[in-house]
């Protein structure tokens, strides 16, 4: 089973949609705490509609987003701190519920996790992919 991740930093919406379509993604799971963007085409409503036009579903799992302090740490390159804050965030019941939902979605269709950062190594979506892969045989591919 494949699990994809994708960041839109430095990309246009068209670029991202093309990469998702080429990979055969069936559902984009937005794992941003805030599904709004100053970048054209990446706010929740517009992105969901654009994905629907090319046959890809959209789901926002807000509780799987990085808390504000974690986002600030990541922007400053303090990845260890971001990971620690995100691990603490995972202890919250809503995050656990949505992680279980994400696992179920990924077991039943080709899912891509979306966040801002182009480099998955500096983003919490890598942590999510690691957690899913720890219990299920996912092969993670960063688009």
C-alpha atoms as a PDB file:
ATOM      1  CA  UNK A   1       0.000   0.000   0.000  1.00  0.00           C
ATOM      2  CA  UNK A   2       1.221   3.476  -0.846  1.00  0.00           C
ATOM      3  CA  UNK A   3       0.781   6.605   1.195  1.00  0.00           C
ATOM      4  CA  UNK A   4       1.687   9.867  -0.496  1.00  0.00           C
ATOM      5  CA  UNK A   5       2.640  13.201   0.982  1.00  0.00           C
ATOM      6  CA  UNK A   6       2.813  16.536  -0.789  1.00  0.00           C
ATOM      7  CA  UNK A   7       3.650  20.120   0.097  1.00  0.00           C
ATOM      8  CA  UNK A   8       2.650  23.115  -1.964  1.00  0.00           C
ATOM      9  CA  UNK A   9       5.473  25.470  -1.001  1.00  0.00           C
ATOM     10  CA  UNK A  10       6.831  26.982  -4.229  1.00  0.00           C
ATOM     11  CA  UNK A  11       4.249  25.188  -6.390  1.00  0.00           C
ATOM     12  CA  UNK A  12       1.150  26.304  -8.228  1.00  0.00           C
ATOM     13  CA  UNK A  13      -2.188  24.615  -7.688  1.00  0.00           C
ATOM     14  CA  UNK A  14      -1.940  23.197 -11.217  1.00  0.00           C
ATOM     15  CA  UNK A  15       1.449  21.632 -10.398  1.00  0.00           C
ATOM     16  CA  UNK A  16       0.094  19.998  -7.253  1.00  0.00           C
ATOM     17  CA  UNK A  17      -3.065  18.727  -8.946  1.00  0.00           C
ATOM     18  CA  UNK A  18      -1.015  17.257 -11.800  1.00  0.00           C
ATOM     19  CA  UNK A  19       1.316  15.439  -9.392  1.00  0.00           C
ATOM     20  CA  UNK A  20      -1.651  14.010  -7.480  1.00  0.00           C
ATOM     21  CA  UNK A  21      -3.425  12.889 -10.639  1.00  0.00           C
ATOM     22  CA  UNK A  22      -0.260  11.311 -12.087  1.00  0.00           C
ATOM     23  CA  UNK A  23       0.268   9.351  -8.845  1.00  0.00           C
ATOM     24  CA  UNK A  24      -3.304   8.040  -8.951  1.00  0.00           C
ATOM     25  CA  UNK A  25      -4.308   9.707  -5.686  1.00  0.00           C
ATOM     26  CA  UNK A  26      -8.000   9.243  -4.904  1.00  0.00           C
ATOM     27  CA  UNK A  27      -8.245  11.382  -1.751  1.00  0.00           C
ATOM     28  CA  UNK A  28      -6.245  14.376  -0.572  1.00  0.00           C
ATOM     29  CA  UNK A  29      -6.200  14.644   3.208  1.00  0.00           C
ATOM     30  CA  UNK A  30      -5.386  18.169   4.303  1.00  0.00           C
ATOM     31  CA  UNK A  31      -3.439  17.944   7.564  1.00  0.00           C
ATOM     32  CA  UNK A  32      -3.013  21.673   8.135  1.00  0.00           C
ATOM     33  CA  UNK A  33      -4.365  23.027  11.404  1.00  0.00           C
ATOM     34  CA  UNK A  34      -5.638  26.010   9.425  1.00  0.00           C
ATOM     35  CA  UNK A  35      -6.812  25.148   5.911  1.00  0.00           C
ATOM     36  CA  UNK A  36      -6.413  28.682   4.642  1.00  0.00           C
ATOM     37  CA  UNK A  37      -3.593  30.008   2.524  1.00  0.00           C
ATOM     38  CA  UNK A  38      -2.362  33.240   1.051  1.00  0.00           C
ATOM     39  CA  UNK A  39      -1.295  31.164  -1.946  1.00  0.00           C
ATOM     40  CA  UNK A  40      -3.889  31.129  -4.700  1.00  0.00           C
ATOM     41  CA  UNK A  41      -5.809  27.879  -4.930  1.00  0.00           C
ATOM     42  CA  UNK A  42      -4.801  26.345  -1.610  1.00  0.00           C
ATOM     43  CA  UNK A  43      -7.576  27.462   0.730  1.00  0.00           C
ATOM     44  CA  UNK A  44      -9.949  24.692   1.765  1.00  0.00           C
ATOM     45  CA  UNK A  45     -13.013  25.528  -0.347  1.00  0.00           C
ATOM     46  CA  UNK A  46     -11.172  26.384  -3.567  1.00  0.00           C
ATOM     47  CA  UNK A  47      -8.801  23.424  -3.233  1.00  0.00           C
ATOM     48  CA  UNK A  48     -11.641  20.985  -2.522  1.00  0.00           C
ATOM     49  CA  UNK A  49     -13.603  22.204  -5.548  1.00  0.00           C
ATOM     50  CA  UNK A  50     -10.568  22.024  -7.839  1.00  0.00           C
ATOM     51  CA  UNK A  51      -9.792  18.492  -6.682  1.00  0.00           C
ATOM     52  CA  UNK A  52     -13.408  17.461  -7.254  1.00  0.00           C
ATOM     53  CA  UNK A  53     -13.205  18.674 -10.848  1.00  0.00           C
ATOM     54  CA  UNK A  54     -10.433  16.131 -11.543  1.00  0.00           C
ATOM     55  CA  UNK A  55     -12.015  13.279  -9.590  1.00  0.00           C
ATOM     56  CA  UNK A  56     -10.000  13.494  -6.373  1.00  0.00           C
ATOM     57  CA  UNK A  57     -11.758  13.712  -3.019  1.00  0.00           C
ATOM     58  CA  UNK A  58     -10.847  16.163  -0.268  1.00  0.00           C
ATOM     59  CA  UNK A  59     -10.924  15.735   3.511  1.00  0.00           C
ATOM     60  CA  UNK A  60      -9.623  18.192   6.110  1.00  0.00           C
ATOM     61  CA  UNK A  61      -8.441  16.576   9.352  1.00  0.00           C
ATOM     62  CA  UNK A  62      -7.750  19.678  11.395  1.00  0.00           C
ATOM     63  CA  UNK A  63      -6.773  17.876  14.592  1.00  0.00           C
ATOM     64  CA  UNK A  64      -3.796  16.361  12.743  1.00  0.00           C
ATOM     65  CA  UNK A  65      -2.349  19.803  12.080  1.00  0.00           C
ATOM     66  CA  UNK A  66       0.643  21.175  13.937  1.00  0.00           C
ATOM     67  CA  UNK A  67      -0.166  23.536  16.809  1.00  0.00           C
ATOM     68  CA  UNK A  68       0.971  27.144  16.333  1.00  0.00           C
ATOM     69  CA  UNK A  69       4.113  26.727  18.469  1.00  0.00           C
ATOM     70  CA  UNK A  70       5.103  23.712  16.352  1.00  0.00           C
ATOM     71  CA  UNK A  71       4.609  25.639  13.113  1.00  0.00           C
ATOM     72  CA  UNK A  72       6.784  28.457  14.456  1.00  0.00           C
ATOM     73  CA  UNK A  73       9.524  25.991  15.469  1.00  0.00           C
ATOM     74  CA  UNK A  74       9.448  24.380  12.009  1.00  0.00           C
ATOM     75  CA  UNK A  75       9.725  27.775  10.282  1.00  0.00           C
ATOM     76  CA  UNK A  76      12.838  28.487  12.368  1.00  0.00           C
ATOM     77  CA  UNK A  77      14.371  25.128  11.456  1.00  0.00           C
ATOM     78  CA  UNK A  78      13.927  23.647  14.937  1.00  0.00           C
ATOM     79  CA  UNK A  79      12.584  20.339  13.675  1.00  0.00           C
ATOM     80  CA  UNK A  80      13.256  18.414  16.898  1.00  0.00           C
ATOM     81  CA  UNK A  81      11.209  20.944  18.844  1.00  0.00           C
ATOM     82  CA  UNK A  82       8.408  20.773  16.250  1.00  0.00           C
ATOM     83  CA  UNK A  83       8.351  16.971  16.522  1.00  0.00           C
ATOM     84  CA  UNK A  84       8.221  17.111  20.336  1.00  0.00           C
ATOM     85  CA  UNK A  85       5.353  19.605  20.295  1.00  0.00           C
ATOM     86  CA  UNK A  86       3.528  17.521  17.709  1.00  0.00           C
ATOM     87  CA  UNK A  87       4.023  14.359  19.806  1.00  0.00           C
ATOM     88  CA  UNK A  88       2.430  16.165  22.772  1.00  0.00           C
ATOM     89  CA  UNK A  89      -0.416  17.264  20.518  1.00  0.00           C
ATOM     90  CA  UNK A  90      -0.986  13.622  19.512  1.00  0.00           C
ATOM     91  CA  UNK A  91      -1.953  12.785  23.090  1.00  0.00           C
ATOM     92  CA  UNK A  92      -5.158  14.789  22.645  1.00  0.00           C
ATOM     93  CA  UNK A  93      -8.287  12.667  22.090  1.00  0.00           C
ATOM     94  CA  UNK A  94      -9.377  14.470  18.896  1.00  0.00           C
ATOM     95  CA  UNK A  95      -5.957  13.886  17.321  1.00  0.00           C
ATOM     96  CA  UNK A  96      -6.193  10.175  18.160  1.00  0.00           C
ATOM     97  CA  UNK A  97      -9.691   9.974  16.672  1.00  0.00           C
ATOM     98  CA  UNK A  98      -8.588  11.663  13.460  1.00  0.00           C
ATOM     99  CA  UNK A  99      -5.426   9.554  13.231  1.00  0.00           C
ATOM    100  CA  UNK A 100      -7.636   6.446  13.355  1.00  0.00           C
ATOM    101  CA  UNK A 101      -9.845   8.000  10.663  1.00  0.00           C
ATOM    102  CA  UNK A 102      -6.790   8.727   8.517  1.00  0.00           C
ATOM    103  CA  UNK A 103      -5.562   5.144   8.921  1.00  0.00           C
ATOM    104  CA  UNK A 104      -8.948   3.789   7.792  1.00  0.00           C
ATOM    105  CA  UNK A 105      -9.020   6.120   4.785  1.00  0.00           C
ATOM    106  CA  UNK A 106      -5.473   5.188   3.765  1.00  0.00           C
ATOM    107  CA  UNK A 107      -6.182   1.472   4.055  1.00  0.00           C
ATOM    108  CA  UNK A 108      -9.076   1.764   1.613  1.00  0.00           C
ATOM    109  CA  UNK A 109      -7.882   4.199  -1.047  1.00  0.00           C
ATOM    110  CA  UNK A 110      -4.840   6.007  -2.400  1.00  0.00           C
ATOM    111  CA  UNK A 111      -4.360   8.920  -0.014  1.00  0.00           C
ATOM    112  CA  UNK A 112      -2.006  11.887  -0.084  1.00  0.00           C
ATOM    113  CA  UNK A 113      -1.319  14.047   2.962  1.00  0.00           C
ATOM    114  CA  UNK A 114      -1.113  17.767   2.213  1.00  0.00           C
ATOM    115  CA  UNK A 115       0.720  20.466   4.100  1.00  0.00           C
ATOM    116  CA  UNK A 116       2.664  23.582   3.133  1.00  0.00           C
ATOM    117  CA  UNK A 117       6.339  22.592   3.375  1.00  0.00           C
ATOM    118  CA  UNK A 118       7.942  21.314   0.181  1.00  0.00           C
ATOM    119  CA  UNK A 119      10.449  19.245   2.156  1.00  0.00           C
ATOM    120  CA  UNK A 120       8.569  16.579   4.041  1.00  0.00           C
ATOM    121  CA  UNK A 121      11.538  16.030   6.405  1.00  0.00           C
ATOM    122  CA  UNK A 122      10.824  19.399   8.018  1.00  0.00           C
ATOM    123  CA  UNK A 123       7.081  18.911   8.218  1.00  0.00           C
ATOM    124  CA  UNK A 124       4.719  17.096  10.548  1.00  0.00           C
ATOM    125  CA  UNK A 125       3.279  15.077   7.666  1.00  0.00           C
ATOM    126  CA  UNK A 126       6.470  12.974   7.873  1.00  0.00           C
ATOM    127  CA  UNK A 127       5.585  12.229  11.503  1.00  0.00           C
ATOM    128  CA  UNK A 128       2.060  11.244  10.466  1.00  0.00           C
ATOM    129  CA  UNK A 129       3.408   8.978   7.733  1.00  0.00           C
ATOM    130  CA  UNK A 130       5.828   7.376  10.219  1.00  0.00           C
ATOM    131  CA  UNK A 131       3.021   6.712  12.690  1.00  0.00           C
ATOM    132  CA  UNK A 132       0.821   5.124  10.046  1.00  0.00           C
ATOM    133  CA  UNK A 133       3.699   3.047   8.701  1.00  0.00           C
ATOM    134  CA  UNK A 134       4.562   1.774  12.180  1.00  0.00           C
ATOM    135  CA  UNK A 135       1.310  -0.201  12.373  1.00  0.00           C
ATOM    136  CA  UNK A 136       0.475  -0.800   8.708  1.00  0.00           C
ATOM    137  CA  UNK A 137       2.624  -1.725   5.702  1.00  0.00           C
ATOM    138  CA  UNK A 138       2.569   1.653   3.966  1.00  0.00           C
ATOM    139  CA  UNK A 139       5.218   2.586   1.455  1.00  0.00           C
ATOM    140  CA  UNK A 140       5.544   6.353   1.760  1.00  0.00           C
ATOM    141  CA  UNK A 141       6.203   8.416  -1.350  1.00  0.00           C
ATOM    142  CA  UNK A 142       6.750  12.159  -1.222  1.00  0.00           C
ATOM    143  CA  UNK A 143       5.416  13.825  -4.360  1.00  0.00           C
END
